[in-house]
């Protein structure tokens, strides 16, 4: 439940351009994803990462915040929910993403 609420908070922060809230939300979800108990990993995937593109208008803002190590697992969930056109667009957005706050190399 908390991660679903966190997902909504992150979407609001995207709309408002609040990088501090975004950093904390994505870091917490990523921390959950890496906990040894699979319960938290699954909760992060299903309640947070699966829904990051639900507000499709924010897709360009969301993509750079997604950790690369989460993508293979969450993509399987996206494949179940979306059509090929949306998956192709997300793949394009995620190709070569540069995380916020890091300079391009």
PDB file of N, CA and C in Angstrom:
ATOM      1  N   UNK A   1       0.821  -1.183   0.000  1.00  0.00           N
ATOM      2  CA  UNK A   1       0.000   0.000   0.000  1.00  0.00           C
ATOM      3  C   UNK A   1       0.871   1.256   0.000  1.00  0.00           C
ATOM      4  N   UNK A   2       1.915   1.264   0.850  1.00  0.00           N
ATOM      5  CA  UNK A   2       2.766   2.448   0.935  1.00  0.00           C
ATOM      6  C   UNK A   2       3.444   2.738  -0.398  1.00  0.00           C
ATOM      7  N   UNK A   3       3.923   1.705  -1.077  1.00  0.00           N
ATOM      8  CA  UNK A   3       4.609   1.933  -2.354  1.00  0.00           C
ATOM      9  C   UNK A   3       3.645   2.446  -3.426  1.00  0.00           C
ATOM     10  N   UNK A   4       2.395   2.064  -3.366  1.00  0.00           N
ATOM     11  CA  UNK A   4       1.400   2.616  -4.292  1.00  0.00           C
ATOM     12  C   UNK A   4       1.196   4.104  -4.017  1.00  0.00           C
ATOM     13  N   UNK A   5       1.155   4.466  -2.745  1.00  0.00           N
ATOM     14  CA  UNK A   5       1.052   5.886  -2.370  1.00  0.00           C
ATOM     15  C   UNK A   5       2.309   6.643  -2.797  1.00  0.00           C
ATOM     16  N   UNK A   6       3.454   6.010  -2.625  1.00  0.00           N
ATOM     17  CA  UNK A   6       4.715   6.622  -3.036  1.00  0.00           C
ATOM     18  C   UNK A   6       4.741   6.854  -4.547  1.00  0.00           C
ATOM     19  N   UNK A   7       4.166   5.932  -5.288  1.00  0.00           N
ATOM     20  CA  UNK A   7       4.070   6.087  -6.734  1.00  0.00           C
ATOM     21  C   UNK A   7       3.273   7.341  -7.098  1.00  0.00           C
ATOM     22  N   UNK A   8       2.157   7.547  -6.417  1.00  0.00           N
ATOM     23  CA  UNK A   8       1.343   8.745  -6.658  1.00  0.00           C
ATOM     24  C   UNK A   8       2.098  10.016  -6.265  1.00  0.00           C
ATOM     25  N   UNK A   9       2.813   9.956  -5.171  1.00  0.00           N
ATOM     26  CA  UNK A   9       3.617  11.092  -4.730  1.00  0.00           C
ATOM     27  C   UNK A   9       4.687  11.418  -5.767  1.00  0.00           C
ATOM     28  N   UNK A  10       5.307  10.393  -6.324  1.00  0.00           N
ATOM     29  CA  UNK A  10       6.327  10.604  -7.354  1.00  0.00           C
ATOM     30  C   UNK A  10       5.719  11.242  -8.603  1.00  0.00           C
ATOM     31  N   UNK A  11       4.530  10.806  -8.993  1.00  0.00           N
ATOM     32  CA  UNK A  11       3.885  11.406 -10.168  1.00  0.00           C
ATOM     33  C   UNK A  11       3.589  12.889  -9.934  1.00  0.00           C
ATOM     34  N   UNK A  12       3.137  13.220  -8.742  1.00  0.00           N
ATOM     35  CA  UNK A  12       2.901  14.629  -8.403  1.00  0.00           C
ATOM     36  C   UNK A  12       4.211  15.408  -8.434  1.00  0.00           C
ATOM     37  N   UNK A  13       5.271  14.806  -7.927  1.00  0.00           N
ATOM     38  CA  UNK A  13       6.572  15.473  -7.927  1.00  0.00           C
ATOM     39  C   UNK A  13       7.083  15.676  -9.350  1.00  0.00           C
ATOM     40  N   UNK A  14       6.806  14.730 -10.247  1.00  0.00           N
ATOM     41  CA  UNK A  14       7.170  14.915 -11.656  1.00  0.00           C
ATOM     42  C   UNK A  14       6.433  16.124 -12.219  1.00  0.00           C
ATOM     43  N   UNK A  15       5.156  16.222 -11.948  1.00  0.00           N
ATOM     44  CA  UNK A  15       4.358  17.343 -12.457  1.00  0.00           C
ATOM     45  C   UNK A  15       4.854  18.687 -11.918  1.00  0.00           C
ATOM     46  N   UNK A  16       5.325  18.675 -10.676  1.00  0.00           N
ATOM     47  CA  UNK A  16       5.773  19.906 -10.018  1.00  0.00           C
ATOM     48  C   UNK A  16       7.261  20.177 -10.225  1.00  0.00           C
ATOM     49  N   UNK A  17       7.986  19.208 -10.788  1.00  0.00           N
ATOM     50  CA  UNK A  17       9.426  19.365 -10.969  1.00  0.00           C
ATOM     51  C   UNK A  17      10.198  19.353  -9.651  1.00  0.00           C
ATOM     52  N   UNK A  18       9.708  18.587  -8.678  1.00  0.00           N
ATOM     53  CA  UNK A  18      10.317  18.534  -7.354  1.00  0.00           C
ATOM     54  C   UNK A  18      11.352  17.404  -7.307  1.00  0.00           C
ATOM     55  N   UNK A  19      12.589  17.743  -7.663  1.00  0.00           N
ATOM     56  CA  UNK A  19      13.652  16.738  -7.728  1.00  0.00           C
ATOM     57  C   UNK A  19      13.988  16.123  -6.377  1.00  0.00           C
ATOM     58  N   UNK A  20      13.839  16.867  -5.288  1.00  0.00           N
ATOM     59  CA  UNK A  20      14.139  16.323  -3.971  1.00  0.00           C
ATOM     60  C   UNK A  20      13.185  15.172  -3.632  1.00  0.00           C
ATOM     61  N   UNK A  21      11.899  15.378  -3.843  1.00  0.00           N
ATOM     62  CA  UNK A  21      10.915  14.324  -3.592  1.00  0.00           C
ATOM     63  C   UNK A  21      11.139  13.162  -4.554  1.00  0.00           C
ATOM     64  N   UNK A  22      11.428  13.459  -5.804  1.00  0.00           N
ATOM     65  CA  UNK A  22      11.681  12.396  -6.783  1.00  0.00           C
ATOM     66  C   UNK A  22      12.880  11.551  -6.369  1.00  0.00           C
ATOM     67  N   UNK A  23      13.958  12.203  -5.978  1.00  0.00           N
ATOM     68  CA  UNK A  23      15.156  11.461  -5.576  1.00  0.00           C
ATOM     69  C   UNK A  23      14.837  10.533  -4.414  1.00  0.00           C
ATOM     70  N   UNK A  24      14.142  11.052  -3.403  1.00  0.00           N
ATOM     71  CA  UNK A  24      13.830  10.233  -2.233  1.00  0.00           C
ATOM     72  C   UNK A  24      12.867   9.094  -2.577  1.00  0.00           C
ATOM     73  N   UNK A  25      11.878   9.358  -3.408  1.00  0.00           N
ATOM     74  CA  UNK A  25      10.909   8.318  -3.779  1.00  0.00           C
ATOM     75  C   UNK A  25      11.578   7.199  -4.570  1.00  0.00           C
ATOM     76  N   UNK A  26      12.342   7.577  -5.593  1.00  0.00           N
ATOM     77  CA  UNK A  26      12.995   6.549  -6.410  1.00  0.00           C
ATOM     78  C   UNK A  26      14.081   5.813  -5.629  1.00  0.00           C
ATOM     79  N   UNK A  27      14.790   6.497  -4.750  1.00  0.00           N
ATOM     80  CA  UNK A  27      15.799   5.814  -3.939  1.00  0.00           C
ATOM     81  C   UNK A  27      15.158   4.815  -2.979  1.00  0.00           C
ATOM     82  N   UNK A  28      14.026   5.187  -2.391  1.00  0.00           N
ATOM     83  CA  UNK A  28      13.359   4.256  -1.483  1.00  0.00           C
ATOM     84  C   UNK A  28      12.839   3.031  -2.242  1.00  0.00           C
ATOM     85  N   UNK A  29      12.218   3.242  -3.392  1.00  0.00           N
ATOM     86  CA  UNK A  29      11.731   2.108  -4.189  1.00  0.00           C
ATOM     87  C   UNK A  29      12.894   1.204  -4.587  1.00  0.00           C
ATOM     88  N   UNK A  30      14.025   1.805  -4.946  1.00  0.00           N
ATOM     89  CA  UNK A  30      15.193   1.026  -5.342  1.00  0.00           C
ATOM     90  C   UNK A  30      15.762   0.270  -4.147  1.00  0.00           C
ATOM     91  N   UNK A  31      15.767   0.894  -2.980  1.00  0.00           N
ATOM     92  CA  UNK A  31      16.204   0.216  -1.763  1.00  0.00           C
ATOM     93  C   UNK A  31      15.317  -1.009  -1.507  1.00  0.00           C
ATOM     94  N   UNK A  32      14.010  -0.842  -1.614  1.00  0.00           N
ATOM     95  CA  UNK A  32      13.080  -1.969  -1.429  1.00  0.00           C
ATOM     96  C   UNK A  32      13.383  -3.084  -2.415  1.00  0.00           C
ATOM     97  N   UNK A  33      13.649  -2.710  -3.658  1.00  0.00           N
ATOM     98  CA  UNK A  33      13.934  -3.681  -4.711  1.00  0.00           C
ATOM     99  C   UNK A  33      15.147  -4.553  -4.357  1.00  0.00           C
ATOM    100  N   UNK A  34      16.093  -3.997  -3.614  1.00  0.00           N
ATOM    101  CA  UNK A  34      17.332  -4.721  -3.303  1.00  0.00           C
ATOM    102  C   UNK A  34      17.352  -5.387  -1.936  1.00  0.00           C
ATOM    103  N   UNK A  35      16.238  -5.431  -1.257  1.00  0.00           N
ATOM    104  CA  UNK A  35      16.207  -6.097   0.047  1.00  0.00           C
ATOM    105  C   UNK A  35      16.179  -7.613  -0.136  1.00  0.00           C
ATOM    106  N   UNK A  36      16.825  -8.335   0.798  1.00  0.00           N
ATOM    107  CA  UNK A  36      16.896  -9.791   0.658  1.00  0.00           C
ATOM    108  C   UNK A  36      15.525 -10.475   0.718  1.00  0.00           C
ATOM    109  N   UNK A  37      14.595  -9.885   1.411  1.00  0.00           N
ATOM    110  CA  UNK A  37      13.248 -10.462   1.454  1.00  0.00           C
ATOM    111  C   UNK A  37      12.543 -10.165   0.129  1.00  0.00           C
ATOM    112  N   UNK A  38      12.103 -11.175  -0.562  1.00  0.00           N
ATOM    113  CA  UNK A  38      11.471 -10.968  -1.866  1.00  0.00           C
ATOM    114  C   UNK A  38      10.165 -10.197  -1.763  1.00  0.00           C
ATOM    115  N   UNK A  39       9.557 -10.177  -0.611  1.00  0.00           N
ATOM    116  CA  UNK A  39       8.314  -9.444  -0.441  1.00  0.00           C
ATOM    117  C   UNK A  39       8.484  -7.978  -0.831  1.00  0.00           C
ATOM    118  N   UNK A  40       9.550  -7.333  -0.347  1.00  0.00           N
ATOM    119  CA  UNK A  40       9.770  -5.923  -0.666  1.00  0.00           C
ATOM    120  C   UNK A  40      10.147  -5.723  -2.130  1.00  0.00           C
ATOM    121  N   UNK A  41      10.938  -6.617  -2.678  1.00  0.00           N
ATOM    122  CA  UNK A  41      11.282  -6.525  -4.098  1.00  0.00           C
ATOM    123  C   UNK A  41      10.015  -6.589  -4.942  1.00  0.00           C
ATOM    124  N   UNK A  42       9.156  -7.559  -4.670  1.00  0.00           N
ATOM    125  CA  UNK A  42       7.916  -7.709  -5.440  1.00  0.00           C
ATOM    126  C   UNK A  42       6.990  -6.513  -5.238  1.00  0.00           C
ATOM    127  N   UNK A  43       6.912  -6.017  -4.018  1.00  0.00           N
ATOM    128  CA  UNK A  43       6.071  -4.844  -3.751  1.00  0.00           C
ATOM    129  C   UNK A  43       6.563  -3.644  -4.544  1.00  0.00           C
ATOM    130  N   UNK A  44       7.877  -3.439  -4.588  1.00  0.00           N
ATOM    131  CA  UNK A  44       8.428  -2.320  -5.360  1.00  0.00           C
ATOM    132  C   UNK A  44       8.110  -2.480  -6.847  1.00  0.00           C
ATOM    133  N   UNK A  45       8.244  -3.692  -7.354  1.00  0.00           N
ATOM    134  CA  UNK A  45       7.965  -3.927  -8.773  1.00  0.00           C
ATOM    135  C   UNK A  45       6.491  -3.699  -9.110  1.00  0.00           C
ATOM    136  N   UNK A  46       5.601  -4.284  -8.325  1.00  0.00           N
ATOM    137  CA  UNK A  46       4.179  -4.278  -8.651  1.00  0.00           C
ATOM    138  C   UNK A  46       3.486  -2.974  -8.259  1.00  0.00           C
ATOM    139  N   UNK A  47       3.898  -2.390  -7.153  1.00  0.00           N
ATOM    140  CA  UNK A  47       3.193  -1.206  -6.661  1.00  0.00           C
ATOM    141  C   UNK A  47       3.839   0.112  -7.070  1.00  0.00           C
ATOM    142  N   UNK A  48       5.098   0.064  -7.488  1.00  0.00           N
ATOM    143  CA  UNK A  48       5.776   1.306  -7.867  1.00  0.00           C
ATOM    144  C   UNK A  48       6.214   1.263  -9.334  1.00  0.00           C
ATOM    145  N   UNK A  49       7.181   0.417  -9.643  1.00  0.00           N
ATOM    146  CA  UNK A  49       7.780   0.437 -10.983  1.00  0.00           C
ATOM    147  C   UNK A  49       6.802   0.070 -12.093  1.00  0.00           C
ATOM    148  N   UNK A  50       5.898  -0.840 -11.841  1.00  0.00           N
ATOM    149  CA  UNK A  50       4.937  -1.222 -12.883  1.00  0.00           C
ATOM    150  C   UNK A  50       4.098  -0.034 -13.329  1.00  0.00           C
ATOM    151  N   UNK A  51       3.921   0.947 -12.451  1.00  0.00           N
ATOM    152  CA  UNK A  51       3.004   2.061 -12.713  1.00  0.00           C
ATOM    153  C   UNK A  51       3.685   3.377 -13.055  1.00  0.00           C
ATOM    154  N   UNK A  52       5.001   3.383 -13.212  1.00  0.00           N
ATOM    155  CA  UNK A  52       5.696   4.656 -13.428  1.00  0.00           C
ATOM    156  C   UNK A  52       5.284   5.364 -14.712  1.00  0.00           C
ATOM    157  N   UNK A  53       4.799   4.623 -15.678  1.00  0.00           N
ATOM    158  CA  UNK A  53       4.369   5.248 -16.939  1.00  0.00           C
ATOM    159  C   UNK A  53       2.849   5.341 -17.055  1.00  0.00           C
ATOM    160  N   UNK A  54       2.131   5.191 -15.961  1.00  0.00           N
ATOM    161  CA  UNK A  54       0.670   5.280 -16.024  1.00  0.00           C
ATOM    162  C   UNK A  54       0.196   6.650 -16.493  1.00  0.00           C
ATOM    163  N   UNK A  55       0.901   7.702 -16.116  1.00  0.00           N
ATOM    164  CA  UNK A  55       0.608   9.028 -16.661  1.00  0.00           C
ATOM    165  C   UNK A  55       1.526   9.202 -17.862  1.00  0.00           C
ATOM    166  N   UNK A  56       1.034   8.778 -19.012  1.00  0.00           N
ATOM    167  CA  UNK A  56       1.839   8.692 -20.225  1.00  0.00           C
ATOM    168  C   UNK A  56       2.445  10.034 -20.616  1.00  0.00           C
ATOM    169  N   UNK A  57       1.801  11.125 -20.279  1.00  0.00           N
ATOM    170  CA  UNK A  57       2.311  12.458 -20.606  1.00  0.00           C
ATOM    171  C   UNK A  57       3.636  12.751 -19.889  1.00  0.00           C
ATOM    172  N   UNK A  58       3.928  12.035 -18.815  1.00  0.00           N
ATOM    173  CA  UNK A  58       5.154  12.258 -18.047  1.00  0.00           C
ATOM    174  C   UNK A  58       6.292  11.324 -18.444  1.00  0.00           C
ATOM    175  N   UNK A  59       6.113  10.547 -19.486  1.00  0.00           N
ATOM    176  CA  UNK A  59       7.085   9.505 -19.816  1.00  0.00           C
ATOM    177  C   UNK A  59       8.509  10.029 -20.015  1.00  0.00           C
ATOM    178  N   UNK A  60       8.656  11.204 -20.622  1.00  0.00           N
ATOM    179  CA  UNK A  60      10.003  11.752 -20.830  1.00  0.00           C
ATOM    180  C   UNK A  60      10.656  12.161 -19.511  1.00  0.00           C
ATOM    181  N   UNK A  61       9.864  12.564 -18.541  1.00  0.00           N
ATOM    182  CA  UNK A  61      10.394  12.943 -17.236  1.00  0.00           C
ATOM    183  C   UNK A  61      10.694  11.721 -16.369  1.00  0.00           C
ATOM    184  N   UNK A  62       9.918  10.668 -16.538  1.00  0.00           N
ATOM    185  CA  UNK A  62      10.064   9.466 -15.705  1.00  0.00           C
ATOM    186  C   UNK A  62      11.280   8.636 -16.109  1.00  0.00           C
ATOM    187  N   UNK A  63      11.486   8.428 -17.382  1.00  0.00           N
ATOM    188  CA  UNK A  63      12.501   7.497 -17.876  1.00  0.00           C
ATOM    189  C   UNK A  63      13.879   7.666 -17.237  1.00  0.00           C
ATOM    190  N   UNK A  64      14.411   8.873 -17.106  1.00  0.00           N
ATOM    191  CA  UNK A  64      15.763   8.989 -16.536  1.00  0.00           C
ATOM    192  C   UNK A  64      15.870   8.581 -15.068  1.00  0.00           C
ATOM    193  N   UNK A  65      14.765   8.488 -14.379  1.00  0.00           N
ATOM    194  CA  UNK A  65      14.797   8.138 -12.958  1.00  0.00           C
ATOM    195  C   UNK A  65      14.808   6.628 -12.718  1.00  0.00           C
ATOM    196  N   UNK A  66      14.630   5.843 -13.755  1.00  0.00           N
ATOM    197  CA  UNK A  66      14.511   4.389 -13.564  1.00  0.00           C
ATOM    198  C   UNK A  66      15.878   3.720 -13.501  1.00  0.00           C
ATOM    199  N   UNK A  67      16.137   2.951 -12.446  1.00  0.00           N
ATOM    200  CA  UNK A  67      17.411   2.245 -12.327  1.00  0.00           C
ATOM    201  C   UNK A  67      17.506   1.119 -13.361  1.00  0.00           C
ATOM    202  N   UNK A  68      18.635   1.032 -13.990  1.00  0.00           N
ATOM    203  CA  UNK A  68      18.846   0.052 -15.057  1.00  0.00           C
ATOM    204  C   UNK A  68      18.655  -1.377 -14.558  1.00  0.00           C
ATOM    205  N   UNK A  69      19.047  -1.663 -13.329  1.00  0.00           N
ATOM    206  CA  UNK A  69      18.956  -3.041 -12.828  1.00  0.00           C
ATOM    207  C   UNK A  69      17.515  -3.491 -12.578  1.00  0.00           C
ATOM    208  N   UNK A  70      16.580  -2.573 -12.512  1.00  0.00           N
ATOM    209  CA  UNK A  70      15.171  -2.911 -12.300  1.00  0.00           C
ATOM    210  C   UNK A  70      14.471  -3.232 -13.626  1.00  0.00           C
ATOM    211  N   UNK A  71      14.963  -2.658 -14.699  1.00  0.00           N
ATOM    212  CA  UNK A  71      14.263  -2.720 -15.990  1.00  0.00           C
ATOM    213  C   UNK A  71      13.940  -4.125 -16.494  1.00  0.00           C
ATOM    214  N   UNK A  72      14.851  -5.094 -16.434  1.00  0.00           N
ATOM    215  CA  UNK A  72      14.492  -6.422 -16.944  1.00  0.00           C
ATOM    216  C   UNK A  72      13.285  -7.046 -16.227  1.00  0.00           C
ATOM    217  N   UNK A  73      13.204  -6.854 -14.928  1.00  0.00           N
ATOM    218  CA  UNK A  73      12.091  -7.452 -14.183  1.00  0.00           C
ATOM    219  C   UNK A  73      10.793  -6.686 -14.400  1.00  0.00           C
ATOM    220  N   UNK A  74      10.860  -5.372 -14.430  1.00  0.00           N
ATOM    221  CA  UNK A  74       9.622  -4.609 -14.588  1.00  0.00           C
ATOM    222  C   UNK A  74       9.131  -4.658 -16.035  1.00  0.00           C
ATOM    223  N   UNK A  75      10.023  -4.825 -16.981  1.00  0.00           N
ATOM    224  CA  UNK A  75       9.590  -4.876 -18.377  1.00  0.00           C
ATOM    225  C   UNK A  75       8.638  -6.044 -18.619  1.00  0.00           C
ATOM    226  N   UNK A  76       8.873  -7.150 -17.939  1.00  0.00           N
ATOM    227  CA  UNK A  76       7.964  -8.296 -18.055  1.00  0.00           C
ATOM    228  C   UNK A  76       6.550  -7.907 -17.630  1.00  0.00           C
ATOM    229  N   UNK A  77       6.446  -7.081 -16.611  1.00  0.00           N
ATOM    230  CA  UNK A  77       5.128  -6.609 -16.176  1.00  0.00           C
ATOM    231  C   UNK A  77       4.519  -5.656 -17.206  1.00  0.00           C
ATOM    232  N   UNK A  78       5.354  -4.795 -17.777  1.00  0.00           N
ATOM    233  CA  UNK A  78       4.865  -3.873 -18.813  1.00  0.00           C
ATOM    234  C   UNK A  78       4.379  -4.637 -20.042  1.00  0.00           C
ATOM    235  N   UNK A  79       5.082  -5.707 -20.405  1.00  0.00           N
ATOM    236  CA  UNK A  79       4.680  -6.513 -21.563  1.00  0.00           C
ATOM    237  C   UNK A  79       3.279  -7.077 -21.372  1.00  0.00           C
ATOM    238  N   UNK A  80       2.958  -7.414 -20.159  1.00  0.00           N
ATOM    239  CA  UNK A  80       1.649  -7.984 -19.841  1.00  0.00           C
ATOM    240  C   UNK A  80       0.548  -6.930 -19.960  1.00  0.00           C
ATOM    241  N   UNK A  81       0.876  -5.663 -19.661  1.00  0.00           N
ATOM    242  CA  UNK A  81      -0.123  -4.598 -19.606  1.00  0.00           C
ATOM    243  C   UNK A  81      -0.275  -3.800 -20.896  1.00  0.00           C
ATOM    244  N   UNK A  82       0.784  -3.672 -21.673  1.00  0.00           N
ATOM    245  CA  UNK A  82       0.791  -2.714 -22.783  1.00  0.00           C
ATOM    246  C   UNK A  82       0.829  -3.387 -24.144  1.00  0.00           C
ATOM    247  N   UNK A  83       0.486  -2.584 -25.147  1.00  0.00           N
ATOM    248  CA  UNK A  83       0.608  -3.054 -26.526  1.00  0.00           C
ATOM    249  C   UNK A  83       2.038  -2.814 -27.024  1.00  0.00           C
ATOM    250  N   UNK A  84       2.341  -3.360 -28.193  1.00  0.00           N
ATOM    251  CA  UNK A  84       3.700  -3.292 -28.754  1.00  0.00           C
ATOM    252  C   UNK A  84       4.132  -1.852 -29.007  1.00  0.00           C
ATOM    253  N   UNK A  85       3.226  -0.994 -29.403  1.00  0.00           N
ATOM    254  CA  UNK A  85       3.574   0.399 -29.684  1.00  0.00           C
ATOM    255  C   UNK A  85       4.096   1.113 -28.436  1.00  0.00           C
ATOM    256  N   UNK A  86       3.419   0.926 -27.318  1.00  0.00           N
ATOM    257  CA  UNK A  86       3.854   1.572 -26.073  1.00  0.00           C
ATOM    258  C   UNK A  86       5.185   0.983 -25.607  1.00  0.00           C
ATOM    259  N   UNK A  87       5.351  -0.323 -25.705  1.00  0.00           N
ATOM    260  CA  UNK A  87       6.620  -0.944 -25.315  1.00  0.00           C
ATOM    261  C   UNK A  87       7.774  -0.411 -26.151  1.00  0.00           C
ATOM    262  N   UNK A  88       7.552  -0.257 -27.432  1.00  0.00           N
ATOM    263  CA  UNK A  88       8.585   0.276 -28.319  1.00  0.00           C
ATOM    264  C   UNK A  88       8.967   1.688 -27.918  1.00  0.00           C
ATOM    265  N   UNK A  89       7.980   2.506 -27.580  1.00  0.00           N
ATOM    266  CA  UNK A  89       8.251   3.882 -27.156  1.00  0.00           C
ATOM    267  C   UNK A  89       9.037   3.894 -25.842  1.00  0.00           C
ATOM    268  N   UNK A  90       8.674   3.050 -24.893  1.00  0.00           N
ATOM    269  CA  UNK A  90       9.401   2.988 -23.622  1.00  0.00           C
ATOM    270  C   UNK A  90      10.827   2.489 -23.854  1.00  0.00           C
ATOM    271  N   UNK A  91      10.990   1.487 -24.693  1.00  0.00           N
ATOM    272  CA  UNK A  91      12.340   0.999 -25.004  1.00  0.00           C
ATOM    273  C   UNK A  91      13.190   2.119 -25.594  1.00  0.00           C
ATOM    274  N   UNK A  92      12.597   2.925 -26.462  1.00  0.00           N
ATOM    275  CA  UNK A  92      13.314   4.042 -27.067  1.00  0.00           C
ATOM    276  C   UNK A  92      13.718   5.056 -25.994  1.00  0.00           C
ATOM    277  N   UNK A  93      12.786   5.350 -25.088  1.00  0.00           N
ATOM    278  CA  UNK A  93      13.078   6.303 -24.023  1.00  0.00           C
ATOM    279  C   UNK A  93      14.182   5.819 -23.091  1.00  0.00           C
ATOM    280  N   UNK A  94      14.206   4.527 -22.848  1.00  0.00           N
ATOM    281  CA  UNK A  94      15.149   3.976 -21.884  1.00  0.00           C
ATOM    282  C   UNK A  94      16.518   3.667 -22.476  1.00  0.00           C
ATOM    283  N   UNK A  95      16.619   3.663 -23.788  1.00  0.00           N
ATOM    284  CA  UNK A  95      17.902   3.387 -24.435  1.00  0.00           C
ATOM    285  C   UNK A  95      18.859   4.552 -24.163  1.00  0.00           C
ATOM    286  N   UNK A  96      19.912   4.267 -23.471  1.00  0.00           N
ATOM    287  CA  UNK A  96      20.928   5.281 -23.223  1.00  0.00           C
ATOM    288  C   UNK A  96      20.503   6.382 -22.273  1.00  0.00           C
ATOM    289  N   UNK A  97      19.603   6.081 -21.333  1.00  0.00           N
ATOM    290  CA  UNK A  97      19.180   7.109 -20.385  1.00  0.00           C
ATOM    291  C   UNK A  97      20.341   7.537 -19.506  1.00  0.00           C
ATOM    292  N   UNK A  98      20.341   8.793 -19.139  1.00  0.00           N
ATOM    293  CA  UNK A  98      21.330   9.354 -18.218  1.00  0.00           C
ATOM    294  C   UNK A  98      20.599   9.734 -16.941  1.00  0.00           C
ATOM    295  N   UNK A  99      20.922   9.099 -15.818  1.00  0.00           N
ATOM    296  CA  UNK A  99      20.225   9.415 -14.563  1.00  0.00           C
ATOM    297  C   UNK A  99      20.352  10.890 -14.208  1.00  0.00           C
ATOM    298  N   UNK A 100      19.308  11.464 -13.574  1.00  0.00           N
ATOM    299  CA  UNK A 100      19.350  12.863 -13.164  1.00  0.00           C
ATOM    300  C   UNK A 100      20.532  13.136 -12.229  1.00  0.00           C
ATOM    301  N   UNK A 101      21.111  14.296 -12.396  1.00  0.00           N
ATOM    302  CA  UNK A 101      22.199  14.697 -11.505  1.00  0.00           C
ATOM    303  C   UNK A 101      23.561  14.165 -11.908  1.00  0.00           C
ATOM    304  N   UNK A 102      23.623  13.474 -13.018  1.00  0.00           N
ATOM    305  CA  UNK A 102      24.919  12.955 -13.490  1.00  0.00           C
ATOM    306  C   UNK A 102      25.209  13.568 -14.846  1.00  0.00           C
ATOM    307  N   UNK A 103      26.461  13.956 -15.029  1.00  0.00           N
ATOM    308  CA  UNK A 103      26.870  14.523 -16.307  1.00  0.00           C
ATOM    309  C   UNK A 103      27.085  13.410 -17.315  1.00  0.00           C
ATOM    310  N   UNK A 104      26.756  13.701 -18.568  1.00  0.00           N
ATOM    311  CA  UNK A 104      26.967  12.720 -19.625  1.00  0.00           C
ATOM    312  C   UNK A 104      28.464  12.453 -19.778  1.00  0.00           C
ATOM    313  N   UNK A 105      28.782  11.214 -20.079  1.00  0.00           N
ATOM    314  CA  UNK A 105      30.193  10.819 -20.240  1.00  0.00           C
ATOM    315  C   UNK A 105      30.553  10.831 -21.691  1.00  0.00           C
TER     316      UNK A 105
END
